[in-house]
C-alpha atoms as a PDB file:
ATOM      1  CA  MET A   1      17.058 -10.392  48.076  1.00  0.00           C
ATOM      2  CA  VAL A   2      16.763  -6.717  47.181  1.00  0.00           C
ATOM      3  CA  VAL A   3      16.492  -5.656  43.509  1.00  0.00           C
ATOM      4  CA  THR A   4      15.565  -2.025  42.860  1.00  0.00           C
ATOM      5  CA  PRO A   5      16.835   0.633  40.439  1.00  0.00           C
ATOM      6  CA  TRP A   6      19.121   1.848  43.244  1.00  0.00           C
ATOM      7  CA  GLU A   7      20.172  -1.286  45.086  1.00  0.00           C
ATOM      8  CA  VAL A   8      20.866  -4.920  44.242  1.00  0.00           C
ATOM      9  CA  SER A   9      21.921  -7.058  47.194  1.00  0.00           C
ATOM     10  CA  GLY A  10      21.502 -10.433  48.817  1.00  0.00           C
ATOM     11  CA  SER A  11      21.339 -13.880  47.232  1.00  0.00           C
ATOM     12  CA  ILE A  12      19.458 -13.504  43.948  1.00  0.00           C
ATOM     13  CA  ASP A  13      16.778 -16.100  43.243  1.00  0.00           C
ATOM     14  CA  TYR A  14      16.355 -15.675  39.489  1.00  0.00           C
ATOM     15  CA  ASP A  15      13.227 -17.814  39.191  1.00  0.00           C
ATOM     16  CA  ARG A  16      11.565 -15.728  41.897  1.00  0.00           C
ATOM     17  CA  LEU A  17      12.839 -12.534  40.272  1.00  0.00           C
ATOM     18  CA  ILE A  18      11.281 -13.479  36.933  1.00  0.00           C
ATOM     19  CA  LYS A  19       7.945 -14.137  38.621  1.00  0.00           C
ATOM     20  CA  MET A  20       8.029 -10.934  40.678  1.00  0.00           C
ATOM     21  CA  PHE A  21       8.907  -8.718  37.722  1.00  0.00           C
ATOM     22  CA  GLY A  22       6.437 -10.375  35.364  1.00  0.00           C
ATOM     23  CA  VAL A  23       8.980 -11.208  32.666  1.00  0.00           C
ATOM     24  CA  SER A  24       9.646 -14.483  30.833  1.00  0.00           C
ATOM     25  CA  ARG A  25      12.743 -16.576  30.376  1.00  0.00           C
ATOM     26  CA  ILE A  26      14.233 -16.171  26.921  1.00  0.00           C
ATOM     27  CA  PRO A  27      13.257 -19.397  25.113  1.00  0.00           C
ATOM     28  CA  GLN A  28      15.502 -21.237  22.684  1.00  0.00           C
ATOM     29  CA  SER A  29      13.165 -20.225  19.849  1.00  0.00           C
ATOM     30  CA  VAL A  30      13.987 -16.538  20.434  1.00  0.00           C
ATOM     31  CA  LYS A  31      17.718 -17.276  20.622  1.00  0.00           C
ATOM     32  CA  ASP A  32      17.464 -19.182  17.348  1.00  0.00           C
ATOM     33  CA  GLU A  33      15.543 -16.313  15.738  1.00  0.00           C
ATOM     34  CA  VAL A  34      18.264 -13.851  16.747  1.00  0.00           C
ATOM     35  CA  HIS A  35      20.816 -16.202  15.208  1.00  0.00           C
ATOM     36  CA  ASN A  36      18.822 -16.631  12.006  1.00  0.00           C
ATOM     37  CA  ILE A  37      18.452 -12.885  11.507  1.00  0.00           C
ATOM     38  CA  SER A  38      21.929 -11.816  12.616  1.00  0.00           C
ATOM     39  CA  GLY A  39      23.905 -14.768  11.258  1.00  0.00           C
ATOM     40  CA  GLU A  40      25.766 -15.124  14.548  1.00  0.00           C
ATOM     41  CA  ARG A  41      25.112 -16.512  18.009  1.00  0.00           C
ATOM     42  CA  SER A  42      25.743 -14.268  20.990  1.00  0.00           C
ATOM     43  CA  PHE A  43      27.291 -15.764  24.125  1.00  0.00           C
ATOM     44  CA  PHE A  44      25.206 -13.277  26.127  1.00  0.00           C
ATOM     45  CA  LEU A  45      22.128 -15.242  25.073  1.00  0.00           C
ATOM     46  CA  ASN A  46      23.631 -18.714  24.820  1.00  0.00           C
ATOM     47  CA  ARG A  47      25.076 -18.532  28.340  1.00  0.00           C
ATOM     48  CA  ASP A  48      21.930 -16.943  29.783  1.00  0.00           C
ATOM     49  CA  ILE A  49      23.724 -13.774  30.813  1.00  0.00           C
ATOM     50  CA  TYR A  50      20.586 -12.217  29.365  1.00  0.00           C
ATOM     51  CA  PHE A  51      18.020 -14.641  30.753  1.00  0.00           C
ATOM     52  CA  ALA A  52      14.652 -12.881  30.600  1.00  0.00           C
ATOM     53  CA  HIS A  53      12.676 -10.598  28.330  1.00  0.00           C
ATOM     54  CA  ARG A  54       9.389  -8.853  27.742  1.00  0.00           C
ATOM     55  CA  ASP A  55       8.165  -8.870  24.116  1.00  0.00           C
ATOM     56  CA  PHE A  56      11.596  -9.225  22.489  1.00  0.00           C
ATOM     57  CA  ASP A  57       9.995 -11.856  20.264  1.00  0.00           C
ATOM     58  CA  LEU A  58       7.539  -9.221  19.001  1.00  0.00           C
ATOM     59  CA  ALA A  59      10.410  -6.862  18.205  1.00  0.00           C
ATOM     60  CA  LEU A  60      12.061  -9.590  16.143  1.00  0.00           C
ATOM     61  CA  GLN A  61       8.820 -10.268  14.279  1.00  0.00           C
ATOM     62  CA  GLU A  62       8.402  -6.585  13.466  1.00  0.00           C
ATOM     63  CA  TYR A  63      12.045  -6.349  12.377  1.00  0.00           C
ATOM     64  CA  LYS A  64      11.501  -9.197   9.911  1.00  0.00           C
ATOM     65  CA  LYS A  65       8.468  -7.356   8.530  1.00  0.00           C
ATOM     66  CA  GLY A  66      10.625  -4.289   7.859  1.00  0.00           C
ATOM     67  CA  GLU A  67       9.192  -2.244  10.723  1.00  0.00           C
ATOM     68  CA  GLY A  68      12.494  -2.355  12.610  1.00  0.00           C
ATOM     69  CA  PHE A  69      13.236  -1.388  16.187  1.00  0.00           C
ATOM     70  CA  TYR A  70      15.703   0.851  18.012  1.00  0.00           C
ATOM     71  CA  LEU A  71      17.827   0.460  21.139  1.00  0.00           C
ATOM     72  CA  TYR A  72      17.798   2.442  24.373  1.00  0.00           C
ATOM     73  CA  MET A  73      20.229   2.121  27.273  1.00  0.00           C
ATOM     74  CA  GLY A  74      21.172   4.247  30.268  1.00  0.00           C
ATOM     75  CA  ARG A  75      23.976   4.923  32.682  1.00  0.00           C
ATOM     76  CA  GLY A  76      23.719   6.427  36.161  1.00  0.00           C
ATOM     77  CA  PRO A  77      27.037   8.229  36.800  1.00  0.00           C
ATOM     78  CA  SER A  78      27.599   7.190  40.417  1.00  0.00           C
ATOM     79  CA  GLY A  79      31.311   6.497  39.957  1.00  0.00           C
ATOM     80  CA  PRO A  80      33.897   5.042  37.569  1.00  0.00           C
ATOM     81  CA  MET A  81      32.670   2.328  35.220  1.00  0.00           C
ATOM     82  CA  HIS A  82      33.916  -1.256  35.654  1.00  0.00           C
ATOM     83  CA  ILE A  83      33.508  -4.403  33.556  1.00  0.00           C
ATOM     84  CA  GLY A  84      30.158  -5.207  35.174  1.00  0.00           C
ATOM     85  CA  HIS A  85      28.778  -1.843  34.044  1.00  0.00           C
ATOM     86  CA  LEU A  86      30.155  -2.330  30.537  1.00  0.00           C
ATOM     87  CA  MET A  87      28.796  -5.827  29.894  1.00  0.00           C
ATOM     88  CA  PRO A  88      25.258  -4.698  28.945  1.00  0.00           C
ATOM     89  CA  PHE A  89      26.720  -2.073  26.630  1.00  0.00           C
ATOM     90  CA  ILE A  90      28.920  -4.662  24.928  1.00  0.00           C
ATOM     91  CA  PHE A  91      25.802  -6.726  24.189  1.00  0.00           C
ATOM     92  CA  THR A  92      24.020  -3.573  23.049  1.00  0.00           C
ATOM     93  CA  LYS A  93      26.874  -2.890  20.626  1.00  0.00           C
ATOM     94  CA  TRP A  94      26.500  -6.414  19.268  1.00  0.00           C
ATOM     95  CA  LEU A  95      22.766  -5.864  18.714  1.00  0.00           C
ATOM     96  CA  GLN A  96      23.393  -2.536  17.006  1.00  0.00           C
ATOM     97  CA  GLU A  97      25.943  -4.085  14.649  1.00  0.00           C
ATOM     98  CA  LYS A  98      23.900  -7.165  13.776  1.00  0.00           C
ATOM     99  CA  PHE A  99      20.580  -5.397  13.317  1.00  0.00           C
ATOM    100  CA  ASN A 100      21.955  -2.049  12.052  1.00  0.00           C
ATOM    101  CA  VAL A 101      19.720   0.052  14.303  1.00  0.00           C
ATOM    102  CA  ASN A 102      19.811   3.364  16.150  1.00  0.00           C
ATOM    103  CA  LEU A 103      20.843   3.572  19.804  1.00  0.00           C
ATOM    104  CA  TYR A 104      20.078   6.214  22.430  1.00  0.00           C
ATOM    105  CA  ILE A 105      22.055   6.264  25.699  1.00  0.00           C
ATOM    106  CA  GLN A 106      20.653   8.368  28.553  1.00  0.00           C
ATOM    107  CA  VAL A 107      23.102   9.495  31.268  1.00  0.00           C
ATOM    108  CA  THR A 108      20.931  10.083  34.332  1.00  0.00           C
ATOM    109  CA  ASP A 109      23.006  12.598  36.261  1.00  0.00           C
ATOM    110  CA  ASP A 110      19.816  14.174  37.619  1.00  0.00           C
ATOM    111  CA  GLU A 111      18.666  10.919  39.215  1.00  0.00           C
ATOM    112  CA  LYS A 112      22.018  10.379  40.916  1.00  0.00           C
ATOM    113  CA  PHE A 113      21.919  13.897  42.353  1.00  0.00           C
ATOM    114  CA  MET A 114      18.372  13.534  43.678  1.00  0.00           C
ATOM    115  CA  PHE A 115      18.700  10.013  45.057  1.00  0.00           C
ATOM    116  CA  LYS A 116      21.477  10.670  47.579  1.00  0.00           C
ATOM    117  CA  SER A 117      21.128  13.583  49.972  1.00  0.00           C
ATOM    118  CA  SER A 118      24.929  13.841  50.229  1.00  0.00           C
ATOM    119  CA  ALA A 119      25.511  13.898  46.457  1.00  0.00           C
ATOM    120  CA  GLU A 120      27.269  16.933  44.999  1.00  0.00           C
ATOM    121  CA  MET A 121      26.645  17.961  41.416  1.00  0.00           C
ATOM    122  CA  SER A 122      30.330  18.675  40.810  1.00  0.00           C
ATOM    123  CA  SER A 123      31.251  15.037  41.524  1.00  0.00           C
ATOM    124  CA  ILE A 124      28.378  13.713  39.438  1.00  0.00           C
ATOM    125  CA  ASP A 125      29.411  15.951  36.532  1.00  0.00           C
ATOM    126  CA  LYS A 126      32.932  14.532  36.729  1.00  0.00           C
ATOM    127  CA  PHE A 127      31.737  10.934  36.719  1.00  0.00           C
ATOM    128  CA  ALA A 128      29.207  11.633  33.955  1.00  0.00           C
ATOM    129  CA  ASN A 129      31.836  13.074  31.644  1.00  0.00           C
ATOM    130  CA  GLU A 130      34.209  10.183  32.365  1.00  0.00           C
ATOM    131  CA  ASN A 131      31.448   7.614  31.868  1.00  0.00           C
ATOM    132  CA  ILE A 132      30.493   9.134  28.518  1.00  0.00           C
ATOM    133  CA  LEU A 133      34.090   8.709  27.324  1.00  0.00           C
ATOM    134  CA  ASP A 134      34.034   5.083  28.508  1.00  0.00           C
ATOM    135  CA  LEU A 135      30.789   4.486  26.635  1.00  0.00           C
ATOM    136  CA  ALA A 136      32.143   6.051  23.464  1.00  0.00           C
ATOM    137  CA  ALA A 137      35.158   3.718  23.728  1.00  0.00           C
ATOM    138  CA  VAL A 138      32.864   0.677  23.459  1.00  0.00           C
ATOM    139  CA  GLY A 139      32.752   1.418  19.744  1.00  0.00           C
ATOM    140  CA  PHE A 140      29.127   2.105  18.905  1.00  0.00           C
ATOM    141  CA  ASP A 141      28.306   3.272  15.377  1.00  0.00           C
ATOM    142  CA  PRO A 142      28.756   7.075  15.648  1.00  0.00           C
ATOM    143  CA  ASP A 143      26.196   7.661  12.890  1.00  0.00           C
ATOM    144  CA  LYS A 144      23.528   5.654  14.722  1.00  0.00           C
ATOM    145  CA  THR A 145      24.284   6.483  18.366  1.00  0.00           C
ATOM    146  CA  PHE A 146      23.219   9.456  20.480  1.00  0.00           C
ATOM    147  CA  ILE A 147      24.525   9.831  24.047  1.00  0.00           C
ATOM    148  CA  PHE A 148      22.902  12.561  26.117  1.00  0.00           C
ATOM    149  CA  LYS A 149      23.117  13.795  29.693  1.00  0.00           C
ATOM    150  CA  ASP A 150      19.750  14.650  31.229  1.00  0.00           C
ATOM    151  CA  THR A 151      20.719  18.011  32.715  1.00  0.00           C
ATOM    152  CA  ASP A 152      22.143  19.130  29.362  1.00  0.00           C
ATOM    153  CA  TYR A 153      19.373  17.768  27.128  1.00  0.00           C
ATOM    154  CA  ILE A 154      16.283  18.322  29.271  1.00  0.00           C
ATOM    155  CA  ALA A 155      15.049  21.334  27.303  1.00  0.00           C
ATOM    156  CA  ASN A 156      14.722  19.136  24.215  1.00  0.00           C
ATOM    157  CA  ILE A 157      12.598  16.466  25.907  1.00  0.00           C
ATOM    158  CA  TYR A 158      10.721  18.429  28.571  1.00  0.00           C
ATOM    159  CA  ARG A 159       7.476  18.699  26.603  1.00  0.00           C
ATOM    160  CA  MET A 160       7.371  14.919  26.361  1.00  0.00           C
ATOM    161  CA  VAL A 161       8.354  14.562  30.026  1.00  0.00           C
ATOM    162  CA  ILE A 162       5.441  16.653  31.312  1.00  0.00           C
ATOM    163  CA  LYS A 163       2.958  14.796  29.098  1.00  0.00           C
ATOM    164  CA  ILE A 164       4.135  11.518  30.605  1.00  0.00           C
ATOM    165  CA  ALA A 165       4.120  12.976  34.131  1.00  0.00           C
ATOM    166  CA  LYS A 166       0.552  14.195  33.655  1.00  0.00           C
ATOM    167  CA  LYS A 167      -0.599  10.646  32.873  1.00  0.00           C
ATOM    168  CA  THR A 168       1.346   8.995  35.698  1.00  0.00           C
ATOM    169  CA  THR A 169      -0.222   9.007  39.150  1.00  0.00           C
ATOM    170  CA  PHE A 170       1.566   9.103  42.483  1.00  0.00           C
ATOM    171  CA  SER A 171      -0.236   5.920  43.524  1.00  0.00           C
ATOM    172  CA  THR A 172       1.372   4.113  40.583  1.00  0.00           C
ATOM    173  CA  VAL A 173       4.954   5.201  41.264  1.00  0.00           C
ATOM    174  CA  LYS A 174       4.450   4.676  44.989  1.00  0.00           C
ATOM    175  CA  ALA A 175       3.324   1.094  44.410  1.00  0.00           C
ATOM    176  CA  VAL A 176       6.147   0.334  41.976  1.00  0.00           C
ATOM    177  CA  PHE A 177       9.053   2.066  43.724  1.00  0.00           C
ATOM    178  CA  GLY A 178       7.941   2.095  47.352  1.00  0.00           C
ATOM    179  CA  PHE A 179       8.109   5.877  47.670  1.00  0.00           C
ATOM    180  CA  THR A 180       7.248   7.294  51.099  1.00  0.00           C
ATOM    181  CA  PRO A 181       6.245  10.746  52.433  1.00  0.00           C
ATOM    182  CA  SER A 182       9.959  11.457  52.951  1.00  0.00           C
ATOM    183  CA  THR A 183      10.848  10.773  49.288  1.00  0.00           C
ATOM    184  CA  ASN A 184      11.867  14.014  47.596  1.00  0.00           C
ATOM    185  CA  THR A 185       9.658  15.224  44.757  1.00  0.00           C
ATOM    186  CA  GLY A 186      12.533  14.976  42.292  1.00  0.00           C
ATOM    187  CA  MET A 187      12.617  11.195  42.658  1.00  0.00           C
ATOM    188  CA  ILE A 188       8.832  10.984  42.402  1.00  0.00           C
ATOM    189  CA  PHE A 189       8.943  12.950  39.132  1.00  0.00           C
ATOM    190  CA  PHE A 190      12.005  11.200  37.688  1.00  0.00           C
ATOM    191  CA  PRO A 191      10.260   8.118  36.198  1.00  0.00           C
ATOM    192  CA  ALA A 192       8.702  10.413  33.590  1.00  0.00           C
ATOM    193  CA  ILE A 193      12.216  11.383  32.467  1.00  0.00           C
ATOM    194  CA  GLU A 194      13.515   7.825  32.179  1.00  0.00           C
ATOM    195  CA  ILE A 195      10.440   6.774  30.208  1.00  0.00           C
ATOM    196  CA  VAL A 196      10.897   9.431  27.491  1.00  0.00           C
ATOM    197  CA  PRO A 197      13.572   7.679  25.358  1.00  0.00           C
ATOM    198  CA  THR A 198      11.194   4.755  24.824  1.00  0.00           C
ATOM    199  CA  MET A 199       9.205   7.150  22.633  1.00  0.00           C
ATOM    200  CA  PHE A 200      11.980   8.708  20.557  1.00  0.00           C
ATOM    201  CA  GLU A 201      10.966   6.749  17.458  1.00  0.00           C
ATOM    202  CA  LYS A 202       7.726   5.246  16.176  1.00  0.00           C
ATOM    203  CA  SER A 203       9.153   1.736  15.985  1.00  0.00           C
ATOM    204  CA  ARG A 204       9.409  -0.601  18.980  1.00  0.00           C
ATOM    205  CA  CYS A 205      12.058   0.208  21.580  1.00  0.00           C
ATOM    206  CA  VAL A 206      14.348  -2.626  22.723  1.00  0.00           C
ATOM    207  CA  ILE A 207      16.104  -2.034  26.063  1.00  0.00           C
ATOM    208  CA  PRO A 208      18.973  -4.493  26.796  1.00  0.00           C
ATOM    209  CA  SER A 209      19.045  -3.289  30.389  1.00  0.00           C
ATOM    210  CA  PRO A 210      19.700  -5.181  33.625  1.00  0.00           C
ATOM    211  CA  ILE A 211      16.411  -6.183  35.244  1.00  0.00           C
ATOM    212  CA  ASP A 212      16.780  -3.726  38.147  1.00  0.00           C
ATOM    213  CA  GLN A 213      15.739  -0.880  35.822  1.00  0.00           C
ATOM    214  CA  ASP A 214      12.581  -2.638  34.641  1.00  0.00           C
ATOM    215  CA  PRO A 215      10.241  -0.888  37.148  1.00  0.00           C
ATOM    216  CA  TYR A 216      10.504   2.351  35.157  1.00  0.00           C
ATOM    217  CA  TRP A 217       9.041   0.724  32.075  1.00  0.00           C
ATOM    218  CA  ARG A 218       6.415  -1.101  34.090  1.00  0.00           C
ATOM    219  CA  VAL A 219       5.152   2.351  35.028  1.00  0.00           C
ATOM    220  CA  GLU A 220       4.989   3.171  31.334  1.00  0.00           C
ATOM    221  CA  ARG A 221       2.976   0.053  30.523  1.00  0.00           C
ATOM    222  CA  HIS A 222       0.600   0.747  33.414  1.00  0.00           C
ATOM    223  CA  SER A 223      -0.284   4.210  32.115  1.00  0.00           C
ATOM    224  CA  ARG A 224      -2.056   5.301  28.940  1.00  0.00           C
ATOM    225  CA  TRP A 225      -0.107   7.206  26.303  1.00  0.00           C
ATOM    226  CA  ASP A 226      -2.838   7.922  23.746  1.00  0.00           C
ATOM    227  CA  GLY A 227      -2.228  11.243  22.071  1.00  0.00           C
ATOM    228  CA  LEU A 228       1.267  11.712  23.481  1.00  0.00           C
END
């Protein structure tokens, strides 16, 4: 079993995956709370398509107190999108509608360029633009949704990126991602970029992402962000 931000292969043992990633199965009490607040049950939760979480219960508690939360998702433009890619975004749309919250979608064209030595920016640009159109077609609330491509938007977030990078050590990202001396410095730096959208608003950030992306936010929790 291999589950990383760049590869998912083998026979997936979900119980082992939950233990390894330090998350918890979504209990019935959380599913019921989502239903009570939203007025509707989601088959993504009822059928355990979304099977694990980290602090989603706290986000629901804060939402009930009027503190709210916002959503963050991402898309790596490695090729055309298929139904498997769209499923998390369909659930994200459901959450946005039922909770009436903001959503930020990060298109990580920079990561895709840096990860593969053979990648060409022209191809990634093409896929990124096509993927953005596919995402827009999901039907998110245009007044509460912001889709941005890293290479286009980097100037707006770079101050936050370098503050995060300054507080993130190489030993941390090496331990989490398995980086080696041959890993290019772009990939070593990239976690700071993917962490940034979790800090776009003061309220809690809810990320309905597949579990393979969780290591990025484990890096965030490992580091200290006081004064960011």
